[in-house]
Amino acid sequence: MRKYLIFNLIEFFLWGYTSYWDMTFNYKTNLSIQDSIFHSCTFIPLLWFIEVKNIKNTSFKNPQESATSLFYLLTHKYLLQNNLQIHTIKSESSAKEHIEIASDKSIIQSTPIETESYTISADGKTFIKAKDTDSITIPEGVEVIKFEAFMMRKIKNIVIPKSVKKIESFAFSSCSVEKIVIPNSIENFGEFIFNGCDSLTEAIIEEGITKLGVSMFSNCSYLKSVSLPQSLLAIPDSTFEGCISLDNVTLPPNIKYIGDDAFCNCQSLTELCIPKSVSNIGFSAFRGCGLKDINIPESLFGISEYMFYDAYDLKKVELPNTITCIMSHAFYGC
């Protein structure tokens, strides 16, 4: 067993350590442990503290003060962020038995839960991966839907609970979901979440949501109807790009920004009212749209590049006196 006489475990000390190991720290002085020293350790480490009088670490949820007996920490990847366990053992001779028991429990607790339909994290807070099935109701208590969790899965019906706070990028990309309701509990959206969902025909975004993710519904070629909440403040870049069947969408009254390519190539979108609250519209926002006429609100001061490029059906445009510039190719092909 290796022994080290050190007084401070500095930040990132063992970042990315990838093999089994154990250490003994045997001294009688104060010990300071800083953040992230075990970040990304991929195998279970054992860390022994013998006769440590004072352990201080603001990262620990329950800092141990004035410790006079043996301490060890047992954990896995992301030690300081997850699953931290601190045990007090009276003697070193009895430590091994406790360590073996705790180690088994730690492994069990950190092992993902797998069912016939999906895999979730041991604590039930992260939805990791779905399996092909007709329908999935994500368990209540899940807070995060991971990257590519439903990607390319042939699942027609998906229910997202109100416990979910975050959906990572590509989570539902190219899956077979037909209708989706996005609860207002979600605070963080990744990119391309529903990109390429060719079976998706209807999306309902609950009231209370203020922002969406970039390219959230891009290339959903059969998406016809989207219900946007009154609370929404922006349409991010490429949100509905390539949604060639989209013909029913109403912009909320408090929208301030319509991003680049937001409705690009929405060929079936023939009508759209731009609210007076909008102060900025990105380039190519309505490029290739099926709009027949459009009324630009006084809140805008310019028409961006390629805004209505190749909008072949556009016959009428009403511009306010506030418009001071029209950028290149704004109406090219109209």
Protein backbone atom coordinates (compact mmCIF):
# COMPACT_ATOMS: atom_id res chain seq x y z
CA MET A 1 0.00 0.00 0.00
CA ARG A 2 1.42 3.37 -1.02
CA LYS A 3 1.82 6.14 1.55
CA TYR A 4 2.03 9.86 0.90
CA LEU A 5 2.79 12.65 3.31
CA ILE A 6 0.92 15.58 1.81
CA PHE A 7 -1.05 18.43 3.32
CA ASN A 8 -3.27 19.46 0.43
CA LEU A 9 -4.96 17.51 -2.36
CA ILE A 10 -5.01 20.13 -5.05
CA GLU A 11 -7.69 20.60 -7.64
CA PHE A 12 -7.72 18.00 -10.49
CA PHE A 13 -5.13 15.88 -8.56
CA LEU A 14 -6.38 12.55 -9.98
CA TRP A 15 -8.57 13.72 -12.84
CA GLY A 16 -9.19 10.87 -15.29
CA TYR A 17 -7.47 8.09 -13.30
CA THR A 18 -8.59 4.88 -15.04
CA SER A 19 -7.36 1.91 -13.01
CA TYR A 20 -8.03 0.32 -9.62
CA TRP A 21 -5.96 1.77 -6.84
CA ASP A 22 -5.79 2.45 -3.12
CA MET A 23 -3.97 5.03 -1.06
CA THR A 24 -3.15 5.64 2.57
CA PHE A 25 -2.76 9.10 4.06
CA ASN A 26 -1.19 8.66 7.52
CA TYR A 27 -0.45 11.83 9.40
CA LYS A 28 -1.86 13.96 12.20
CA THR A 29 -2.30 17.33 10.69
CA ASN A 30 -5.11 19.14 8.96
CA LEU A 31 -6.11 17.92 5.53
CA SER A 32 -7.65 20.10 2.85
CA ILE A 33 -9.33 18.44 -0.13
CA GLN A 34 -10.16 20.65 -3.07
CA ASP A 35 -12.63 20.24 -5.91
CA SER A 36 -12.56 17.64 -8.69
CA ILE A 37 -9.57 15.60 -7.53
CA PHE A 38 -11.32 12.38 -8.57
CA HIS A 39 -13.27 13.69 -11.55
CA SER A 40 -13.62 11.06 -14.32
CA CYS A 41 -12.07 8.20 -12.33
CA THR A 42 -13.58 5.24 -14.16
CA PHE A 43 -12.76 2.49 -11.66
CA ILE A 44 -13.62 2.30 -7.97
CA PRO A 45 -10.93 3.94 -5.79
CA LEU A 46 -10.30 3.40 -2.08
CA LEU A 47 -8.91 6.32 -0.15
CA TRP A 48 -7.80 5.81 3.44
CA PHE A 49 -7.36 8.54 6.03
CA ILE A 50 -5.68 7.36 9.22
CA GLU A 51 -5.77 9.50 12.37
CA VAL A 52 -6.74 12.60 10.50
CA LYS A 53 -7.70 15.25 13.00
CA ASN A 54 -9.40 17.65 10.67
CA ILE A 55 -10.83 17.10 7.21
CA LYS A 56 -12.20 20.11 5.38
CA ASN A 57 -13.86 20.11 1.99
CA THR A 58 -16.64 22.40 0.85
CA SER A 59 -17.47 19.95 -1.95
CA PHE A 60 -18.68 17.32 0.50
CA LYS A 61 -22.33 17.40 1.38
CA ASN A 62 -21.57 16.47 4.99
CA PRO A 63 -18.05 17.69 5.84
CA GLN A 64 -16.40 15.71 8.65
CA GLU A 65 -14.72 17.85 11.29
CA SER A 66 -12.33 16.79 14.09
CA ALA A 67 -12.06 13.24 12.82
CA THR A 68 -9.73 11.09 14.95
CA SER A 69 -10.31 7.64 13.48
CA LEU A 70 -9.90 6.00 10.10
CA PHE A 71 -11.81 7.47 7.20
CA TYR A 72 -12.14 6.11 3.74
CA LEU A 73 -14.03 7.28 0.74
CA LEU A 74 -15.61 4.90 -1.69
CA THR A 75 -17.06 5.95 -5.00
CA HIS A 76 -16.89 5.76 -8.81
CA LYS A 77 -16.77 8.19 -11.73
CA TYR A 78 -17.44 11.82 -10.71
CA LEU A 79 -16.64 11.16 -7.07
CA LEU A 80 -17.23 14.67 -5.83
CA GLN A 81 -20.47 15.11 -7.77
CA ASN A 82 -22.15 11.73 -7.19
CA ASN A 83 -22.49 8.85 -4.75
CA LEU A 84 -19.99 10.11 -2.16
CA GLN A 85 -19.83 7.87 0.90
CA ILE A 86 -17.89 8.64 4.09
CA HIS A 87 -17.50 5.94 6.77
CA THR A 88 -15.89 6.06 10.21
CA ILE A 89 -14.18 2.82 11.30
CA LYS A 90 -12.62 2.29 14.70
CA SER A 91 -9.61 0.28 13.59
CA GLU A 92 -7.69 -0.53 10.45
CA SER A 93 -8.10 -4.26 11.04
CA SER A 94 -11.87 -3.98 10.77
CA ALA A 95 -11.74 -1.67 7.80
CA LYS A 96 -11.39 -4.34 5.14
CA GLU A 97 -14.67 -6.01 6.00
CA HIS A 98 -16.50 -2.68 5.90
CA ILE A 99 -14.81 -1.76 2.67
CA GLU A 100 -15.85 -5.00 0.98
CA ILE A 101 -19.47 -4.54 2.06
CA ALA A 102 -19.55 -0.88 1.09
CA SER A 103 -17.85 -1.62 -2.21
CA ASP A 104 -20.50 -4.15 -3.16
CA LYS A 105 -23.25 -1.69 -2.23
CA SER A 106 -21.58 1.10 -4.19
CA ILE A 107 -21.35 -1.06 -7.30
CA ILE A 108 -25.00 -2.04 -6.99
CA GLN A 109 -26.09 1.53 -6.38
CA SER A 110 -24.15 2.83 -9.38
CA THR A 111 -25.36 0.16 -11.82
CA PRO A 112 -28.02 1.44 -14.25
CA ILE A 113 -31.50 -0.06 -14.00
CA GLU A 114 -32.49 -1.94 -17.13
CA THR A 115 -36.04 -2.92 -18.07
CA GLU A 116 -37.59 -4.42 -21.18
CA SER A 117 -38.25 -0.93 -22.55
CA TYR A 118 -35.43 1.30 -21.33
CA THR A 119 -32.35 1.88 -19.19
CA ILE A 120 -32.22 4.53 -16.47
CA SER A 121 -29.59 5.52 -13.93
CA ALA A 122 -29.40 3.85 -10.54
CA ASP A 123 -30.93 6.85 -8.81
CA GLY A 124 -33.78 6.98 -11.33
CA LYS A 125 -33.02 10.57 -12.33
CA THR A 126 -31.47 10.02 -15.77
CA PHE A 127 -33.13 8.31 -18.72
CA ILE A 128 -30.20 6.74 -20.55
CA LYS A 129 -31.53 4.66 -23.45
CA ALA A 130 -34.84 3.48 -24.87
CA LYS A 131 -35.48 0.17 -26.63
CA ASP A 132 -37.77 -0.46 -29.57
CA THR A 133 -41.36 -0.78 -28.41
CA ASP A 134 -44.74 0.72 -29.31
CA SER A 135 -45.04 3.02 -26.31
CA ILE A 136 -42.91 4.36 -23.47
CA THR A 137 -43.93 6.39 -20.46
CA ILE A 138 -40.78 7.86 -18.97
CA PRO A 139 -40.86 7.15 -15.21
CA GLU A 140 -41.81 9.94 -12.83
CA GLY A 141 -38.67 11.19 -11.11
CA VAL A 142 -36.51 11.26 -14.23
CA GLU A 143 -34.92 14.71 -14.52
CA VAL A 144 -32.62 14.32 -17.52
CA ILE A 145 -33.16 12.64 -20.90
CA LYS A 146 -29.72 11.82 -22.19
CA PHE A 147 -28.05 12.43 -25.53
CA GLU A 148 -29.54 10.16 -28.24
CA ALA A 149 -31.72 8.36 -25.68
CA PHE A 150 -34.51 7.72 -28.22
CA MET A 151 -32.52 8.24 -31.39
CA MET A 152 -33.82 6.12 -34.32
CA ARG A 153 -36.09 4.09 -32.02
CA LYS A 154 -39.37 2.85 -33.50
CA ILE A 155 -41.52 4.18 -30.68
CA LYS A 156 -44.82 5.77 -31.67
CA ASN A 157 -46.01 7.05 -28.29
CA ILE A 158 -43.75 8.77 -25.74
CA VAL A 159 -44.92 10.42 -22.53
CA ILE A 160 -42.58 12.88 -20.80
CA PRO A 161 -43.31 13.43 -17.08
CA LYS A 162 -43.24 16.83 -15.37
CA SER A 163 -40.20 15.80 -13.36
CA VAL A 164 -37.97 16.21 -16.44
CA LYS A 165 -35.84 19.37 -16.33
CA LYS A 166 -33.38 18.81 -19.15
CA ILE A 167 -33.42 17.19 -22.60
CA GLU A 168 -30.01 16.74 -24.16
CA SER A 169 -29.11 17.09 -27.84
CA PHE A 170 -30.44 14.54 -30.36
CA ALA A 171 -32.48 12.89 -27.58
CA PHE A 172 -35.40 11.98 -29.89
CA SER A 173 -33.72 12.49 -33.26
CA SER A 174 -35.10 10.31 -36.08
CA CYS A 175 -37.37 8.32 -33.77
CA SER A 176 -40.92 7.28 -34.78
CA VAL A 177 -42.91 9.32 -32.26
CA GLU A 178 -46.19 10.62 -33.74
CA LYS A 179 -47.22 13.24 -31.19
CA ILE A 180 -45.32 14.89 -28.37
CA VAL A 181 -46.30 17.02 -25.39
CA ILE A 182 -43.39 18.95 -23.88
CA PRO A 183 -44.05 19.74 -20.20
CA ASN A 184 -43.32 23.14 -18.71
CA SER A 185 -40.94 21.63 -16.15
CA ILE A 186 -38.17 21.56 -18.76
CA GLU A 187 -35.65 24.35 -18.29
CA ASN A 188 -32.81 23.25 -20.56
CA PHE A 189 -33.07 22.10 -24.17
CA GLY A 190 -30.19 20.72 -26.22
CA GLU A 191 -29.89 20.97 -30.00
CA PHE A 192 -31.59 18.86 -32.70
CA ILE A 193 -33.84 17.21 -30.12
CA PHE A 194 -36.53 16.04 -32.58
CA ASN A 195 -34.50 16.46 -35.75
CA GLY A 196 -35.62 14.13 -38.54
CA CYS A 197 -38.66 12.68 -36.76
CA ASP A 198 -40.55 11.88 -39.96
CA SER A 199 -43.58 10.39 -38.16
CA LEU A 200 -44.14 13.40 -35.90
CA THR A 201 -47.31 15.26 -36.93
CA GLU A 202 -48.17 17.31 -33.85
CA ALA A 203 -46.18 19.00 -31.09
CA ILE A 204 -47.62 20.72 -28.02
CA ILE A 205 -45.35 22.90 -25.90
CA GLU A 206 -46.90 23.69 -22.54
CA GLU A 207 -47.45 27.16 -21.18
CA GLY A 208 -44.59 28.44 -19.05
CA ILE A 209 -41.73 27.49 -21.37
CA THR A 210 -39.79 30.57 -22.48
CA LYS A 211 -37.13 29.07 -24.76
CA LEU A 212 -36.56 26.16 -27.10
CA GLY A 213 -33.49 24.44 -28.49
CA VAL A 214 -31.69 25.18 -31.76
CA SER A 215 -33.00 23.03 -34.64
CA MET A 216 -35.49 21.50 -32.24
CA PHE A 217 -37.95 20.27 -34.91
CA SER A 218 -35.76 20.61 -38.00
CA ASN A 219 -36.48 18.24 -40.88
CA CYS A 220 -39.66 16.83 -39.33
CA SER A 221 -41.15 16.49 -42.79
CA TYR A 222 -44.67 15.47 -41.66
CA LEU A 223 -45.05 17.91 -38.77
CA LYS A 224 -48.26 19.81 -39.52
CA SER A 225 -49.23 21.56 -36.28
CA VAL A 226 -47.28 23.14 -33.45
CA SER A 227 -48.82 24.72 -30.37
CA LEU A 228 -46.51 27.37 -28.95
CA PRO A 229 -47.03 28.79 -25.43
CA GLN A 230 -47.79 32.46 -24.82
CA SER A 231 -44.73 32.54 -22.56
CA LEU A 232 -42.28 31.81 -25.39
CA LEU A 233 -39.80 34.62 -26.06
CA ALA A 234 -37.87 33.42 -29.11
CA ILE A 235 -37.83 31.03 -32.04
CA PRO A 236 -34.19 29.84 -32.14
CA ASP A 237 -32.15 29.19 -35.27
CA SER A 238 -33.51 26.46 -37.58
CA THR A 239 -36.29 25.52 -35.15
CA PHE A 240 -38.65 24.46 -37.96
CA GLU A 241 -36.23 24.33 -40.87
CA GLY A 242 -37.28 21.72 -43.40
CA CYS A 243 -40.73 21.15 -41.89
CA ILE A 244 -42.30 21.03 -45.35
CA SER A 245 -45.78 20.03 -44.07
CA LEU A 246 -46.08 22.66 -41.33
CA ASP A 247 -49.20 24.70 -42.05
CA ASN A 248 -50.51 25.68 -38.63
CA VAL A 249 -48.44 27.75 -36.23
CA THR A 250 -49.26 30.92 -34.30
CA LEU A 251 -46.43 33.03 -32.94
CA PRO A 252 -46.94 34.12 -29.30
CA PRO A 253 -47.43 37.84 -28.64
CA ASN A 254 -44.19 38.31 -26.68
CA ILE A 255 -41.77 36.83 -29.20
CA LYS A 256 -38.73 39.11 -29.55
CA TYR A 257 -36.48 37.14 -31.87
CA ILE A 258 -36.93 34.82 -34.85
CA GLY A 259 -33.63 33.09 -35.56
CA ASP A 260 -31.67 32.29 -38.70
CA ASP A 261 -33.45 29.71 -40.91
CA ALA A 262 -36.21 29.44 -38.30
CA PHE A 263 -38.92 28.62 -40.89
CA CYS A 264 -36.65 27.91 -43.85
CA ASN A 265 -38.30 25.66 -46.47
CA CYS A 266 -41.63 25.47 -44.64
CA GLN A 267 -43.34 25.11 -48.00
CA SER A 268 -46.86 24.52 -46.63
CA LEU A 269 -46.79 27.58 -44.36
CA THR A 270 -48.98 30.04 -46.26
CA GLU A 271 -49.95 32.38 -43.40
CA LEU A 272 -48.03 33.80 -40.48
CA CYS A 273 -48.58 36.85 -38.33
CA ILE A 274 -45.38 38.42 -36.99
CA PRO A 275 -46.13 39.99 -33.58
CA LYS A 276 -45.32 43.64 -32.88
CA SER A 277 -42.94 42.50 -30.15
CA VAL A 278 -40.44 41.07 -32.67
CA SER A 279 -37.37 43.28 -32.96
CA ASN A 280 -34.99 40.97 -34.81
CA ILE A 281 -35.38 38.39 -37.56
CA GLY A 282 -32.34 36.42 -38.70
CA PHE A 283 -31.14 35.71 -42.23
CA SER A 284 -33.04 33.14 -44.32
CA ALA A 285 -35.72 33.04 -41.65
CA PHE A 286 -38.51 32.47 -44.22
CA ARG A 287 -36.42 31.28 -47.14
CA GLY A 288 -38.37 28.94 -49.40
CA CYS A 289 -41.59 29.39 -47.41
CA GLY A 290 -45.06 29.16 -48.92
CA LEU A 291 -46.14 32.52 -47.51
CA LYS A 292 -48.51 34.46 -49.78
CA ASP A 293 -48.35 37.79 -47.99
CA ILE A 294 -46.57 39.20 -44.98
CA ASN A 295 -46.92 42.28 -42.80
CA ILE A 296 -43.65 43.48 -41.26
CA PRO A 297 -44.25 45.16 -37.86
CA GLU A 298 -42.95 48.60 -36.95
CA SER A 299 -40.69 47.07 -34.32
CA LEU A 300 -38.31 45.99 -37.11
CA PHE A 301 -35.74 48.35 -38.62
CA GLY A 302 -34.35 46.16 -41.37
CA ILE A 303 -34.87 43.12 -43.59
CA SER A 304 -32.01 40.66 -43.22
CA GLU A 305 -30.18 38.78 -45.95
CA TYR A 306 -32.12 36.04 -47.75
CA MET A 307 -35.09 36.54 -45.40
CA PHE A 308 -37.66 35.67 -48.10
CA TYR A 309 -35.28 34.16 -50.65
CA ASP A 310 -37.11 31.78 -53.03
CA ALA A 311 -40.50 32.42 -51.39
CA TYR A 312 -42.09 31.88 -54.79
CA ASP A 313 -45.70 32.35 -53.63
CA LEU A 314 -45.08 35.66 -51.86
CA LYS A 315 -47.18 38.26 -53.67
CA LYS A 316 -47.64 41.02 -51.09
CA VAL A 317 -45.31 42.58 -48.53
CA GLU A 318 -46.21 45.49 -46.26
CA LEU A 319 -43.21 47.40 -44.96
CA PRO A 320 -43.45 50.03 -42.18
CA ASN A 321 -41.72 53.41 -42.23
CA THR A 322 -39.29 52.15 -39.61
CA ILE A 323 -37.43 49.99 -42.15
CA THR A 324 -34.12 51.68 -42.93
CA CYS A 325 -32.32 48.91 -44.85
CA ILE A 326 -33.05 45.86 -46.93
CA MET A 327 -30.10 43.48 -47.11
CA SER A 328 -28.93 41.54 -50.16
CA HIS A 329 -31.13 38.83 -51.69
CA ALA A 330 -33.87 39.52 -49.14
CA PHE A 331 -36.61 38.98 -51.75
CA TYR A 332 -34.64 37.16 -54.41
CA GLY A 333 -36.79 34.72 -56.39
CA CYS A 334 -40.09 36.10 -55.15
